Protein backbone atom coordinates (compact mmCIF):
# COMPACT_ATOMS: atom_id res chain seq x y z
CA MET A 1 0.11 0.27 -0.08
CA ILE A 2 1.26 3.39 -0.86
CA ARG A 3 0.83 6.23 1.63
CA VAL A 4 2.25 9.53 0.71
CA ASP A 5 1.40 13.19 2.14
CA LEU A 6 1.97 16.18 -0.91
CA LYS A 7 2.10 19.83 -0.49
CA ILE A 8 -0.23 20.53 -3.33
CA ASP A 9 0.08 24.59 -4.18
CA LEU A 10 -2.82 26.75 -4.98
CA ASP A 11 -3.23 29.38 -7.53
CA VAL A 12 -3.08 32.74 -6.73
CA ALA A 13 -6.23 33.48 -8.63
CA GLU A 14 -8.06 30.40 -6.69
CA THR A 15 -6.74 31.73 -3.29
CA LYS A 16 -8.21 35.42 -3.07
CA GLY A 17 -4.15 36.35 -4.23
CA GLU A 18 -2.42 34.62 -1.30
CA PRO A 19 0.54 31.86 -2.11
CA LEU A 20 -1.07 29.28 0.17
CA PHE A 21 -1.19 25.07 -0.18
CA VAL A 22 -3.18 22.45 0.85
CA THR A 23 -1.87 19.26 2.41
CA VAL A 24 -3.04 15.99 1.48
CA THR A 25 -2.19 12.38 1.76
CA VAL A 26 -2.85 9.98 -0.35
CA ILE A 27 -3.43 6.54 0.48
CA ALA A 28 -3.20 4.10 -2.32
CA PRO A 29 -3.39 -0.17 -3.31
CA ASP A 30 -0.10 -1.17 -4.87
CA PRO A 31 0.06 0.18 -8.39
CA THR A 32 -0.47 -3.77 -9.67
CA GLU A 33 -3.82 -3.36 -8.15
CA ILE A 34 -4.74 -0.09 -9.60
CA PRO A 35 -7.26 -0.31 -12.44
CA ALA A 36 -7.28 1.94 -15.54
CA ASP A 37 -10.61 3.50 -13.58
CA PRO A 38 -10.26 2.99 -10.06
CA ILE A 39 -12.06 4.97 -7.89
CA VAL A 40 -10.92 7.95 -6.42
CA TRP A 41 -12.33 9.38 -2.91
CA PHE A 42 -11.51 13.03 -1.88
CA ALA A 43 -12.71 13.33 2.06
CA TRP A 44 -12.68 16.68 3.97
CA PRO A 45 -13.39 16.40 7.86
CA GLY A 46 -15.24 18.68 10.08
CA GLY A 47 -15.06 21.17 12.07
CA GLY A 48 -11.70 20.90 15.01
CA TYR A 49 -10.27 18.41 12.97
CA ASN A 50 -7.93 17.32 10.34
CA ARG A 51 -7.06 14.79 7.16
CA ARG A 52 -5.72 12.42 10.00
CA TYR A 53 -9.48 12.19 11.26
CA PHE A 54 -9.58 9.02 7.79
CA ASP A 55 -6.43 7.95 8.47
CA LEU A 56 -6.29 7.58 12.31
CA HIS A 57 -3.57 5.61 14.09
CA LEU A 58 -4.30 4.96 17.76
CA PRO A 59 -1.51 3.24 19.71
CA GLY A 60 -2.10 -0.24 20.49
CA ARG A 61 -5.38 -0.39 18.52
CA HIS A 62 -6.12 -1.31 14.85
CA GLY A 63 -8.63 -0.86 12.30
CA PHE A 64 -9.88 2.97 12.40
CA SER A 65 -8.14 4.25 8.65
CA GLN A 66 -10.95 4.44 6.82
CA ALA A 67 -8.43 5.28 4.15
CA GLU A 68 -6.65 1.87 4.32
CA PHE A 69 -9.96 0.40 4.02
CA HIS A 70 -11.03 1.78 0.76
CA ALA A 71 -7.82 1.18 -1.03
CA SER A 72 -7.59 -2.22 0.24
CA LYS A 73 -10.56 -2.29 -2.22
CA GLY A 74 -8.80 -1.20 -4.31
CA ALA A 75 -9.56 2.44 -4.56
CA ILE A 76 -7.54 5.63 -4.23
CA PHE A 77 -8.37 7.80 -0.62
CA VAL A 78 -7.52 11.64 -0.61
CA ALA A 79 -7.15 12.91 2.84
CA CYS A 80 -7.54 16.64 2.24
CA ASP A 81 -6.90 19.51 4.98
CA HIS A 82 -9.24 22.64 4.56
CA PRO A 83 -7.26 25.69 3.96
CA GLY A 84 -5.50 26.83 7.58
CA VAL A 85 -6.63 23.26 9.24
CA GLY A 86 -4.02 20.83 9.83
CA ASP A 87 -0.75 21.36 7.80
CA ALA A 88 -2.07 23.49 5.72
CA ALA A 89 -1.10 26.89 5.19
CA VAL A 90 -3.21 29.71 7.19
CA PRO A 91 -4.99 32.10 4.83
CA LYS A 92 -4.54 35.59 6.01
CA GLY A 93 -7.75 37.73 4.85
CA ALA A 94 -11.04 36.12 6.00
CA PHE A 95 -12.13 33.30 3.74
CA GLY A 96 -16.00 32.22 3.32
CA HIS A 97 -17.54 29.00 2.76
CA SER A 98 -17.62 29.69 -1.50
CA ASP A 99 -13.76 30.82 -1.18
CA ILE A 100 -12.81 27.71 1.05
CA ALA A 101 -14.58 25.42 -1.15
CA ARG A 102 -12.89 26.86 -3.97
CA VAL A 103 -9.76 26.10 -2.56
CA ASN A 104 -10.60 22.44 -1.86
CA ALA A 105 -11.28 22.29 -5.42
CA ALA A 106 -8.28 23.55 -7.05
CA ALA A 107 -6.77 21.15 -4.91
CA ALA A 108 -8.53 18.24 -6.07
CA ARG A 109 -8.43 19.07 -9.56
CA ALA A 110 -4.47 19.87 -8.85
CA VAL A 111 -4.61 16.18 -7.94
CA LEU A 112 -6.93 14.24 -10.44
CA ALA A 113 -4.39 15.97 -12.88
CA GLY A 114 -1.37 14.56 -11.64
CA LEU A 115 -3.07 11.14 -11.37
CA LYS A 116 -3.94 11.69 -15.42
CA GLY A 117 -0.53 12.89 -16.17
CA GLY A 118 1.36 9.78 -13.84
CA ASN A 119 3.70 12.71 -11.67
CA LEU A 120 1.36 12.85 -8.57
CA ILE A 121 3.52 10.08 -6.99
CA PRO A 122 7.12 8.39 -8.18
CA GLY A 123 6.26 4.71 -9.09
CA LEU A 124 2.39 5.12 -9.02
CA GLN A 125 1.88 4.91 -12.97
CA ALA A 126 -1.36 7.24 -15.18
CA ILE A 127 -4.57 6.60 -14.17
CA ALA A 128 -6.54 6.96 -17.42
CA ALA A 129 -10.28 7.50 -16.21
CA PRO A 130 -9.94 8.09 -12.45
CA PHE A 131 -13.82 8.04 -10.73
CA PRO A 132 -13.91 10.81 -8.69
CA VAL A 133 -16.25 10.78 -5.37
CA ALA A 134 -16.33 13.33 -2.61
CA MET A 135 -17.05 13.22 1.03
CA GLY A 136 -17.13 15.36 3.62
CA GLN A 137 -18.05 14.62 7.67
CA SER A 138 -20.19 17.36 9.18
CA TYR A 139 -18.47 21.02 8.82
CA GLY A 140 -16.51 19.20 5.76
CA GLY A 141 -20.18 18.23 4.38
CA LEU A 142 -20.83 21.96 4.41
CA LEU A 143 -18.36 23.07 2.53
CA LEU A 144 -18.58 19.79 0.22
CA THR A 145 -21.85 20.77 -0.57
CA HIS A 146 -21.01 24.28 -1.95
CA LEU A 147 -17.78 22.81 -3.78
CA GLN A 148 -19.96 20.22 -5.56
CA ALA A 149 -22.87 23.01 -6.00
CA GLU A 150 -20.52 25.61 -7.19
CA HIS A 151 -17.88 23.93 -9.31
CA GLY A 152 -19.40 20.18 -9.82
CA LEU A 153 -16.05 18.31 -9.43
CA PHE A 154 -17.42 14.99 -8.00
CA ARG A 155 -18.95 12.07 -9.72
CA GLY A 156 -21.26 11.82 -6.06
CA VAL A 157 -20.78 13.20 -2.92
CA ALA A 158 -21.06 11.87 0.64
CA MET A 159 -22.70 13.82 3.29
CA LEU A 160 -21.99 12.37 6.93
CA GLY A 161 -23.51 13.52 9.76
CA TRP A 162 -23.88 16.52 7.58
CA SER A 163 -27.81 17.78 7.18
CA GLY A 164 -29.05 20.02 4.44
CA ILE A 165 -31.81 20.81 6.05
CA CYS A 166 -30.89 21.83 9.48
CA THR A 167 -28.05 20.47 11.37
CA MET A 168 -28.02 21.03 15.05
CA VAL A 169 -26.06 19.52 18.01
CA LYS A 170 -27.38 16.99 20.31
CA ASP A 171 -27.51 17.10 23.84
CA VAL A 172 -26.46 13.93 26.00
CA SER A 173 -29.51 12.41 26.21
CA GLY A 174 -29.48 12.79 22.06
CA GLN A 175 -32.69 14.39 22.08
CA GLY A 176 -32.17 18.07 22.65
CA ASN A 177 -29.74 20.63 21.51
CA VAL A 178 -26.55 21.71 23.20
CA ALA A 179 -24.88 25.61 22.55
CA PRO A 180 -23.04 25.92 19.74
CA PRO A 181 -19.28 25.88 19.76
CA SER A 182 -18.97 29.66 20.15
CA GLU A 183 -20.39 29.57 23.40
CA LEU A 184 -18.74 26.72 24.77
CA GLU A 185 -15.44 28.21 24.37
CA GLY A 186 -13.42 29.20 27.73
CA THR A 187 -16.43 27.32 30.40
CA PRO A 188 -14.62 25.07 32.73
CA ALA A 189 -16.88 22.19 30.78
CA LEU A 190 -14.19 21.50 28.38
CA ARG A 191 -11.35 20.73 30.44
CA ASP A 192 -12.53 17.47 31.08
CA GLY A 193 -13.21 15.41 27.17
CA LEU A 194 -15.27 12.44 29.60
CA ASN A 195 -17.58 15.33 31.04
CA HIS A 196 -17.58 17.59 27.44
CA PRO A 197 -21.12 18.61 27.08
CA TYR A 198 -20.37 17.24 23.06
CA ARG A 199 -19.53 13.77 24.34
CA ARG A 200 -22.87 11.75 23.87
CA SER A 201 -23.68 14.02 20.66
CA PHE A 202 -19.66 12.77 19.48
CA HIS A 203 -19.31 8.99 20.70
CA TYR A 204 -21.34 6.20 21.43
CA ASP A 205 -21.11 4.67 24.62
CA ASP A 206 -19.33 1.98 23.96
CA VAL A 207 -16.29 4.03 22.46
CA PRO A 208 -13.86 3.51 24.87
CA GLU A 209 -12.81 6.25 27.26
CA ALA A 210 -9.29 7.29 26.22
CA ILE A 211 -10.56 8.00 22.86
CA VAL A 212 -13.62 9.70 23.88
CA ALA A 213 -10.89 11.82 26.80
CA GLU A 214 -8.62 12.56 24.08
CA ASP A 215 -10.69 13.80 21.00
CA MET A 216 -13.10 16.29 23.17
CA LEU A 217 -10.55 17.53 25.51
CA GLY A 218 -11.10 21.42 25.12
CA TYR A 219 -12.87 20.89 21.94
CA PRO A 220 -13.26 22.89 19.66
CA ALA A 221 -10.77 25.58 19.75
CA ARG A 222 -8.66 23.38 22.31
CA VAL A 223 -6.59 26.35 23.75
CA GLY A 224 -3.92 25.39 26.38
CA VAL A 225 -5.05 21.81 26.09
CA PRO A 226 -2.85 18.59 24.02
CA VAL A 227 -4.21 18.61 20.49
CA PRO A 228 -4.90 15.22 19.05
CA ALA A 229 -2.77 13.94 15.82
CA TRP A 230 -6.46 14.14 13.98
CA GLY A 231 -7.49 17.49 16.05
CA THR A 232 -6.45 21.37 15.18
CA PRO A 233 -7.23 24.85 16.98
CA HIS A 234 -8.54 25.91 14.07
CA MET A 235 -11.87 25.72 12.07
CA PRO A 236 -11.45 25.53 7.88
CA GLY A 237 -10.01 28.78 6.73
CA GLY A 238 -8.04 29.54 9.89
CA PRO A 239 -8.59 32.29 12.60
CA ASN A 240 -9.80 34.74 10.43
CA PHE A 241 -12.49 32.17 8.45
CA ALA A 242 -15.74 34.77 8.11
CA PRO A 243 -18.53 32.66 6.94
CA GLU A 244 -21.64 34.20 5.72
CA ARG A 245 -23.02 32.19 8.71
CA GLY A 246 -22.47 29.64 11.25
CA PRO A 247 -23.36 26.17 10.18
CA LEU A 248 -25.96 25.17 12.86
CA GLY A 249 -29.67 26.15 12.28
CA PRO A 250 -32.22 25.46 9.58
CA SER A 251 -31.47 26.47 5.55
CA VAL A 252 -27.78 26.87 5.85
CA VAL A 253 -26.92 25.43 2.82
CA ALA A 254 -30.55 24.95 0.94
CA LYS A 255 -29.32 26.29 -2.37
CA GLU A 256 -26.81 24.82 -2.48
CA ALA A 257 -27.96 21.40 -1.81
CA ALA A 258 -30.72 22.12 -4.48
CA ALA A 259 -28.31 22.79 -6.78
CA ILE A 260 -26.54 19.69 -7.05
CA ASP A 261 -27.20 16.84 -10.13
CA ALA A 262 -24.68 14.03 -9.06
CA PRO A 263 -25.63 11.36 -6.52
CA VAL A 264 -25.52 11.95 -3.10
CA PHE A 265 -24.93 8.97 -0.35
CA ILE A 266 -26.46 10.39 3.18
CA GLY A 267 -24.90 9.39 6.28
CA ASN A 268 -25.76 9.67 9.85
CA GLY A 269 -25.11 7.61 13.02
CA GLU A 270 -27.59 6.70 15.41
CA ILE A 271 -27.32 9.97 17.64
CA ASP A 272 -26.34 12.73 15.11
CA THR A 273 -27.18 16.39 13.81
CA ALA A 274 -30.17 15.64 11.69
CA ASP A 275 -33.61 16.08 13.06
CA ASN A 276 -34.48 13.67 10.87
CA PRO A 277 -32.04 11.86 8.53
CA HIS A 278 -35.02 9.83 6.63
CA ALA A 279 -36.20 13.51 5.32
CA GLU A 280 -32.32 14.54 4.29
CA PRO A 281 -33.17 13.16 0.22
CA THR A 282 -35.53 16.18 -0.02
CA ALA A 283 -32.43 18.65 0.44
CA TYR A 284 -31.02 16.97 -3.01
CA PRO A 285 -34.04 17.60 -5.91
CA ARG A 286 -31.94 17.41 -8.74
CA ALA A 287 -29.90 14.62 -7.53
CA PRO A 288 -30.71 11.39 -10.00
CA ASP A 289 -29.67 8.90 -6.93
CA VAL A 290 -30.08 9.30 -3.46
CA THR A 291 -28.67 6.65 -0.76
CA THR A 292 -29.55 7.10 3.37
CA MET A 293 -28.45 5.36 6.31
CA ILE A 294 -28.43 5.22 9.74
CA LEU A 295 -24.96 3.73 11.32
CA PRO A 296 -25.75 1.78 14.79
CA ARG A 297 -24.47 2.60 17.71
CA SER A 298 -22.76 5.61 16.78
CA SER A 299 -23.00 9.05 16.95
CA HIS A 300 -21.51 12.30 15.08
CA MET A 301 -17.77 11.70 14.58
CA HIS A 302 -18.52 7.64 13.40
CA ASN A 303 -14.63 6.90 12.37
CA PHE A 304 -14.45 6.26 15.76
CA ALA A 305 -17.08 4.42 16.71
CA GLY A 306 -16.97 0.57 17.11
CA THR A 307 -19.03 0.30 14.09
CA ARG A 308 -17.54 2.43 11.72
CA ASP A 309 -16.80 -0.72 9.20
CA ILE A 310 -20.50 -0.62 8.75
CA LEU A 311 -20.49 2.59 7.08
CA TRP A 312 -17.35 2.28 5.33
CA LYS A 313 -18.37 -0.88 3.61
CA ARG A 314 -21.94 1.11 2.40
CA LEU A 315 -20.12 3.62 1.12
CA GLN A 316 -17.35 1.47 -1.21
CA ALA A 317 -20.60 -0.22 -2.44
CA TRP A 318 -22.04 2.90 -3.29
CA ALA A 319 -19.43 4.37 -4.61
CA VAL A 320 -18.57 1.23 -6.82
CA GLY A 321 -22.67 1.12 -7.51
CA ILE A 322 -23.40 4.88 -9.17
CA LYS A 323 -19.69 4.02 -10.57
CA ASP A 324 -21.31 0.91 -12.70
CA ALA A 325 -24.76 2.74 -13.46
CA TRP A 326 -23.45 6.18 -14.60
CA ASN A 327 -19.86 6.03 -15.83
């Protein structure tokens, strides 16, 4: 299996005139096992997380890398940092949702061009006909909605833990709503990951406490606390992020979701941010194919759930299905 971190320099025409780059991790099968038309997954994380959320390597634990799972099925997986997140450059200017989506689209186009040209990774032959699909988890789903609506880059998009209708964070009972992250910053509740107000919303009861404690400590800003390998102190866009509106509440991306005309996969945990997961397909009236699933025994952060492989299998089968049907 191939695993390579790549710095993708971006044209200033895409970055509001700033010289920026983003970092991606490409995980791929052995070159001899890659077909001429492989599925190529692009994946963007949620707020407070970086690309390593999709390629988790936890001490003493195995089987947490979604990227490795898809690569084991013959796909190429590209885990991406948003600008201002992880190992990407931090914009000096104020970037909104469409600005970040434009940067993410430019990075994906650069990766696809490198795959087609055979010059992305030494030893990886030219890919004649990649089939690009994408997933966005949580805030990554918001930004992927903008990307697909405004740039139409992917043959299918998966919205994971993101609602095209109304996104809200559930309380500890999994029923009501809790305060948005901006109202939690600096409160004593964030100093103990196991008692974080978002614990039940983000992690199902059977997720090991060591993982929960590390992941939730200080979330979302994680100021003055250790930042896990998969975490970041900034929202997408960096500290000067200037979104048109926050991610929570109704109709945040109603116009953009309604413009998507590619197949859509909608994945939520039992406890997640969509008020009614079964209503989510109505947000995508132009999509020719809409699939929805609820991951059992999972909260919002699906890749930490004990049932995570069910979601991964469904995603891979979905991608294969739309490739066979729509290619």
